[in-house]
C-alpha atoms as a PDB file:
ATOM      1  CA  MET A   1      62.582  56.503 -13.678  1.00  0.00           C
ATOM      2  CA  LYS A   2      62.038  53.356 -12.020  1.00  0.00           C
ATOM      3  CA  ILE A   3      59.746  52.403  -9.026  1.00  0.00           C
ATOM      4  CA  GLU A   4      59.699  49.726  -6.931  1.00  0.00           C
ATOM      5  CA  SER A   5      57.495  48.951  -3.926  1.00  0.00           C
ATOM      6  CA  THR A   6      58.439  45.991  -1.243  1.00  0.00           C
ATOM      7  CA  TYR A   7      57.020  45.770   2.321  1.00  0.00           C
ATOM      8  CA  LEU A   8      59.731  45.312   4.977  1.00  0.00           C
ATOM      9  CA  SER A   9      59.490  42.373   7.762  1.00  0.00           C
ATOM     10  CA  PRO A  10      57.865  43.090  10.940  1.00  0.00           C
ATOM     11  CA  LYS A  11      59.440  44.051  13.795  1.00  0.00           C
ATOM     12  CA  LEU A  12      59.353  41.940  16.905  1.00  0.00           C
ATOM     13  CA  LYS A  13      59.357  45.011  19.070  1.00  0.00           C
ATOM     14  CA  THR A  14      56.255  46.072  17.870  1.00  0.00           C
ATOM     15  CA  PHE A  15      54.565  42.508  18.239  1.00  0.00           C
ATOM     16  CA  LEU A  16      55.332  42.779  21.660  1.00  0.00           C
ATOM     17  CA  GLY A  17      54.305  46.128  22.539  1.00  0.00           C
ATOM     18  CA  TYR A  18      51.024  45.174  20.425  1.00  0.00           C
ATOM     19  CA  LEU A  19      50.831  42.142  22.793  1.00  0.00           C
ATOM     20  CA  MET A  20      51.428  43.782  25.791  1.00  0.00           C
ATOM     21  CA  LEU A  21      48.650  47.262  25.222  1.00  0.00           C
ATOM     22  CA  LEU A  22      46.154  44.260  23.631  1.00  0.00           C
ATOM     23  CA  SER A  23      46.835  41.957  27.144  1.00  0.00           C
ATOM     24  CA  ILE A  24      46.130  44.411  29.753  1.00  0.00           C
ATOM     25  CA  SER A  25      43.440  45.539  27.791  1.00  0.00           C
ATOM     26  CA  PHE A  26      41.389  42.422  27.156  1.00  0.00           C
ATOM     27  CA  PHE A  27      42.257  41.604  31.222  1.00  0.00           C
ATOM     28  CA  ALA A  28      40.743  44.977  32.436  1.00  0.00           C
ATOM     29  CA  LEU A  29      37.804  44.808  30.411  1.00  0.00           C
ATOM     30  CA  LYS A  30      36.862  41.264  31.055  1.00  0.00           C
ATOM     31  CA  THR A  31      37.640  41.625  35.314  1.00  0.00           C
ATOM     32  CA  LEU A  32      35.133  44.356  34.804  1.00  0.00           C
ATOM     33  CA  ILE A  33      32.739  42.594  33.486  1.00  0.00           C
ATOM     34  CA  HIS A  34      33.534  39.626  35.709  1.00  0.00           C
ATOM     35  CA  ILE A  35      33.092  42.479  38.873  1.00  0.00           C
ATOM     36  CA  PHE A  36      29.630  43.690  37.421  1.00  0.00           C
ATOM     37  CA  THR A  37      27.696  40.437  36.574  1.00  0.00           C
ATOM     38  CA  SER A  38      29.108  37.644  38.904  1.00  0.00           C
ATOM     39  CA  ALA A  39      27.058  36.868  42.131  1.00  0.00           C
ATOM     40  CA  ASN A  40      30.579  37.132  44.405  1.00  0.00           C
ATOM     41  CA  PRO A  41      32.890  39.124  42.625  1.00  0.00           C
ATOM     42  CA  LEU A  42      35.947  38.320  44.433  1.00  0.00           C
ATOM     43  CA  GLU A  43      35.819  34.914  43.657  1.00  0.00           C
ATOM     44  CA  LEU A  44      37.367  33.827  40.417  1.00  0.00           C
ATOM     45  CA  LYS A  45      36.354  30.036  40.020  1.00  0.00           C
ATOM     46  CA  SER A  46      36.238  30.328  36.228  1.00  0.00           C
ATOM     47  CA  TYR A  47      39.753  29.586  34.663  1.00  0.00           C
ATOM     48  CA  ASP A  48      38.114  28.930  31.073  1.00  0.00           C
ATOM     49  CA  TRP A  49      38.820  32.822  30.229  1.00  0.00           C
ATOM     50  CA  TRP A  50      42.553  33.100  30.906  1.00  0.00           C
ATOM     51  CA  PRO A  51      43.442  30.925  27.974  1.00  0.00           C
ATOM     52  CA  ASN A  52      40.763  33.368  25.506  1.00  0.00           C
ATOM     53  CA  ILE A  53      42.588  36.499  26.613  1.00  0.00           C
ATOM     54  CA  PHE A  54      45.947  35.006  25.960  1.00  0.00           C
ATOM     55  CA  LEU A  55      44.739  33.759  22.444  1.00  0.00           C
ATOM     56  CA  TYR A  56      42.807  36.929  21.294  1.00  0.00           C
ATOM     57  CA  SER A  57      45.732  39.172  22.237  1.00  0.00           C
ATOM     58  CA  VAL A  58      48.403  37.118  20.461  1.00  0.00           C
ATOM     59  CA  THR A  59      46.064  36.915  17.361  1.00  0.00           C
ATOM     60  CA  LEU A  60      45.076  40.576  17.352  1.00  0.00           C
ATOM     61  CA  SER A  61      48.634  41.488  17.971  1.00  0.00           C
ATOM     62  CA  PHE A  62      49.900  39.086  15.081  1.00  0.00           C
ATOM     63  CA  GLY A  63      47.280  40.968  12.348  1.00  0.00           C
ATOM     64  CA  VAL A  64      47.745  44.248  13.514  1.00  0.00           C
ATOM     65  CA  THR A  65      51.722  44.067  13.135  1.00  0.00           C
ATOM     66  CA  PHE A  66      51.633  42.666   9.709  1.00  0.00           C
ATOM     67  CA  GLY A  67      49.705  45.508   8.981  1.00  0.00           C
ATOM     68  CA  ALA A  68      51.705  48.117  10.585  1.00  0.00           C
ATOM     69  CA  ARG A  69      54.716  46.542   8.472  1.00  0.00           C
ATOM     70  CA  ARG A  70      56.736  49.395   6.935  1.00  0.00           C
ATOM     71  CA  VAL A  71      56.486  50.223   3.036  1.00  0.00           C
ATOM     72  CA  GLN A  72      60.077  50.776   1.301  1.00  0.00           C
ATOM     73  CA  LEU A  73      59.743  52.605  -2.250  1.00  0.00           C
ATOM     74  CA  ILE A  74      62.669  52.758  -4.253  1.00  0.00           C
ATOM     75  CA  ILE A  75      62.706  55.393  -7.227  1.00  0.00           C
ATOM     76  CA  THR A  76      66.015  54.680  -9.446  1.00  0.00           C
ATOM     77  CA  ASN A  77      67.733  56.590 -12.101  1.00  0.00           C
ATOM     78  CA  PRO A  78      65.356  59.715 -11.982  1.00  0.00           C
ATOM     79  CA  THR A  79      66.787  62.539 -14.625  1.00  0.00           C
ATOM     80  CA  ASP A  80      66.741  64.916 -11.919  1.00  0.00           C
ATOM     81  CA  ILE A  81      66.901  63.282  -8.958  1.00  0.00           C
ATOM     82  CA  GLU A  82      67.024  66.743  -6.756  1.00  0.00           C
ATOM     83  CA  ARG A  83      63.688  67.895  -8.513  1.00  0.00           C
ATOM     84  CA  VAL A  84      62.007  64.204  -7.491  1.00  0.00           C
ATOM     85  CA  ASN A  85      63.439  64.487  -3.905  1.00  0.00           C
ATOM     86  CA  ASP A  86      61.572  68.261  -3.678  1.00  0.00           C
ATOM     87  CA  MET A  87      58.698  66.695  -4.945  1.00  0.00           C
ATOM     88  CA  VAL A  88      58.628  63.632  -2.887  1.00  0.00           C
ATOM     89  CA  GLU A  89      59.304  66.339   0.329  1.00  0.00           C
ATOM     90  CA  ASN A  90      56.465  68.500  -0.809  1.00  0.00           C
ATOM     91  CA  PHE A  91      54.389  65.561  -1.077  1.00  0.00           C
ATOM     92  CA  PHE A  92      54.695  64.679   2.701  1.00  0.00           C
ATOM     93  CA  THR A  93      54.576  68.172   3.851  1.00  0.00           C
ATOM     94  CA  MET A  94      51.096  68.422   2.248  1.00  0.00           C
ATOM     95  CA  ASN A  95      50.109  65.283   3.574  1.00  0.00           C
ATOM     96  CA  GLY A  96      49.670  65.858   7.220  1.00  0.00           C
ATOM     97  CA  THR A  97      53.482  65.584   7.776  1.00  0.00           C
ATOM     98  CA  ARG A  98      56.641  67.727   9.228  1.00  0.00           C
ATOM     99  CA  VAL A  99      60.360  67.198   8.845  1.00  0.00           C
ATOM    100  CA  LYS A 100      61.735  65.864  11.982  1.00  0.00           C
ATOM    101  CA  LYS A 101      65.224  65.659  10.905  1.00  0.00           C
ATOM    102  CA  LYS A 102      66.698  67.126   7.658  1.00  0.00           C
ATOM    103  CA  TYR A 103      70.462  66.112   6.621  1.00  0.00           C
ATOM    104  CA  GLU A 104      72.265  66.466   3.447  1.00  0.00           C
ATOM    105  CA  SER A 105      71.015  62.878   2.016  1.00  0.00           C
ATOM    106  CA  GLU A 106      68.407  61.908   4.671  1.00  0.00           C
ATOM    107  CA  THR A 107      65.179  63.593   5.499  1.00  0.00           C
ATOM    108  CA  THR A 108      62.967  61.857   8.309  1.00  0.00           C
ATOM    109  CA  PHE A 109      59.028  62.881   8.218  1.00  0.00           C
ATOM    110  CA  GLU A 110      57.378  62.741  11.663  1.00  0.00           C
ATOM    111  CA  SER A 111      52.902  63.094  11.541  1.00  0.00           C
ATOM    112  CA  VAL A 112      51.481  66.527  12.845  1.00  0.00           C
ATOM    113  CA  LYS A 113      48.872  64.303  14.501  1.00  0.00           C
ATOM    114  CA  SER A 114      49.429  63.138  18.058  1.00  0.00           C
ATOM    115  CA  PHE A 115      47.191  60.141  17.844  1.00  0.00           C
ATOM    116  CA  TYR A 116      50.030  59.009  14.983  1.00  0.00           C
ATOM    117  CA  ARG A 117      52.807  60.359  16.854  1.00  0.00           C
ATOM    118  CA  LEU A 118      51.818  58.790  20.133  1.00  0.00           C
ATOM    119  CA  PHE A 119      51.749  55.320  17.861  1.00  0.00           C
ATOM    120  CA  ASN A 120      55.355  56.078  16.748  1.00  0.00           C
ATOM    121  CA  ASN A 121      56.544  56.636  19.965  1.00  0.00           C
ATOM    122  CA  TRP A 122      55.017  53.073  21.579  1.00  0.00           C
ATOM    123  CA  PHE A 123      55.566  51.372  18.130  1.00  0.00           C
ATOM    124  CA  GLU A 124      58.110  52.646  15.932  1.00  0.00           C
ATOM    125  CA  THR A 125      55.871  52.174  12.896  1.00  0.00           C
ATOM    126  CA  GLU A 126      55.001  56.203  11.968  1.00  0.00           C
ATOM    127  CA  LEU A 127      58.150  57.946  10.769  1.00  0.00           C
ATOM    128  CA  VAL A 128      58.836  58.447   6.980  1.00  0.00           C
ATOM    129  CA  CYS A 129      62.618  58.748   5.821  1.00  0.00           C
ATOM    130  CA  ILE A 130      64.007  59.461   2.811  1.00  0.00           C
ATOM    131  CA  ASN A 131      67.603  58.706   1.700  1.00  0.00           C
ATOM    132  CA  LYS A 132      69.232  60.118  -1.445  1.00  0.00           C
ATOM    133  CA  THR A 133      71.931  58.936  -3.000  1.00  0.00           C
ATOM    134  CA  GLU A 134      73.402  59.658  -6.421  1.00  0.00           C
ATOM    135  CA  ASN A 135      71.328  57.518  -8.424  1.00  0.00           C
ATOM    136  CA  GLN A 136      68.409  56.589  -6.105  1.00  0.00           C
ATOM    137  CA  LEU A 137      65.887  57.861  -3.715  1.00  0.00           C
ATOM    138  CA  LYS A 138      64.513  55.288  -0.960  1.00  0.00           C
ATOM    139  CA  VAL A 139      61.181  56.275   0.627  1.00  0.00           C
ATOM    140  CA  VAL A 140      60.444  54.007   4.062  1.00  0.00           C
ATOM    141  CA  GLY A 141      57.450  54.891   5.843  1.00  0.00           C
ATOM    142  CA  PRO A 142      53.604  53.379   6.840  1.00  0.00           C
ATOM    143  CA  PHE A 143      51.706  52.113   3.906  1.00  0.00           C
ATOM    144  CA  ARG A 144      48.797  55.062   4.088  1.00  0.00           C
ATOM    145  CA  LEU A 145      51.330  57.433   3.195  1.00  0.00           C
ATOM    146  CA  VAL A 146      54.054  55.568   0.625  1.00  0.00           C
ATOM    147  CA  ASP A 147      50.977  53.781  -1.178  1.00  0.00           C
ATOM    148  CA  SER A 148      49.844  57.195  -2.247  1.00  0.00           C
ATOM    149  CA  LEU A 149      53.511  58.853  -3.246  1.00  0.00           C
ATOM    150  CA  ASP A 150      53.315  55.561  -5.150  1.00  0.00           C
ATOM    151  CA  SER A 151      50.365  56.079  -6.889  1.00  0.00           C
ATOM    152  CA  LYS A 152      50.936  59.920  -7.304  1.00  0.00           C
ATOM    153  CA  LEU A 153      53.986  58.751  -9.336  1.00  0.00           C
ATOM    154  CA  ARG A 154      53.133  56.059 -11.300  1.00  0.00           C
ATOM    155  CA  PHE A 155      49.988  57.611 -12.059  1.00  0.00           C
ATOM    156  CA  THR A 156      50.412  61.279 -12.933  1.00  0.00           C
ATOM    157  CA  ARG A 157      52.410  63.263 -15.555  1.00  0.00           C
ATOM    158  CA  PRO A 158      55.862  61.776 -15.834  1.00  0.00           C
ATOM    159  CA  LEU A 159      58.518  64.688 -13.929  1.00  0.00           C
ATOM    160  CA  ALA A 160      61.139  64.459 -16.235  1.00  0.00           C
END
C-alpha cells in the first residue's frame, strides 16, 4: 500500500470571500474607532487609513486562503480496498463528521459542528470527499482531518 499526500492549489473564490469578509470587518472596526475617538465623528479628514484597510485585508486573506488549502491523500494498491475504505469512513465518522452524500464510488462527509459547516457554506473548505476506484482511494479535505488520517495510516499497524 502506497500513501501519497499533496496540497491542492487555493481557490480564488475562497480568497475573494475572505477578502470581502475582512474588508467589511476592518472598515466597521476603523469606523467605530473613528466615531468614538475623534472630536468631530462625522468629519473624515484622515485618508491614511484606507490603504491600511486594503493592505491588511489582502494580506490576511492571502495567508488564510493558503492556510485553508485542501489536502489530497492518495492510497494506491491496497490489498483489500473495501476494508481500507471502511476504515477511512469509520475514521471520519469518529472524528466529528457525518455522511452528507454516499454513492457507490464516492462518499462526502461534512462536519457535525455548525462553525465548520458555516465556513464550508461560505468558502467551500470543509467537505471531505472519498473517491474509490479499482486500485486507488483518493481522500480530499481540510488539512486537520486528512493529515490525521495520513498519520494514522502511516504510523499504526498495517491494514493488510
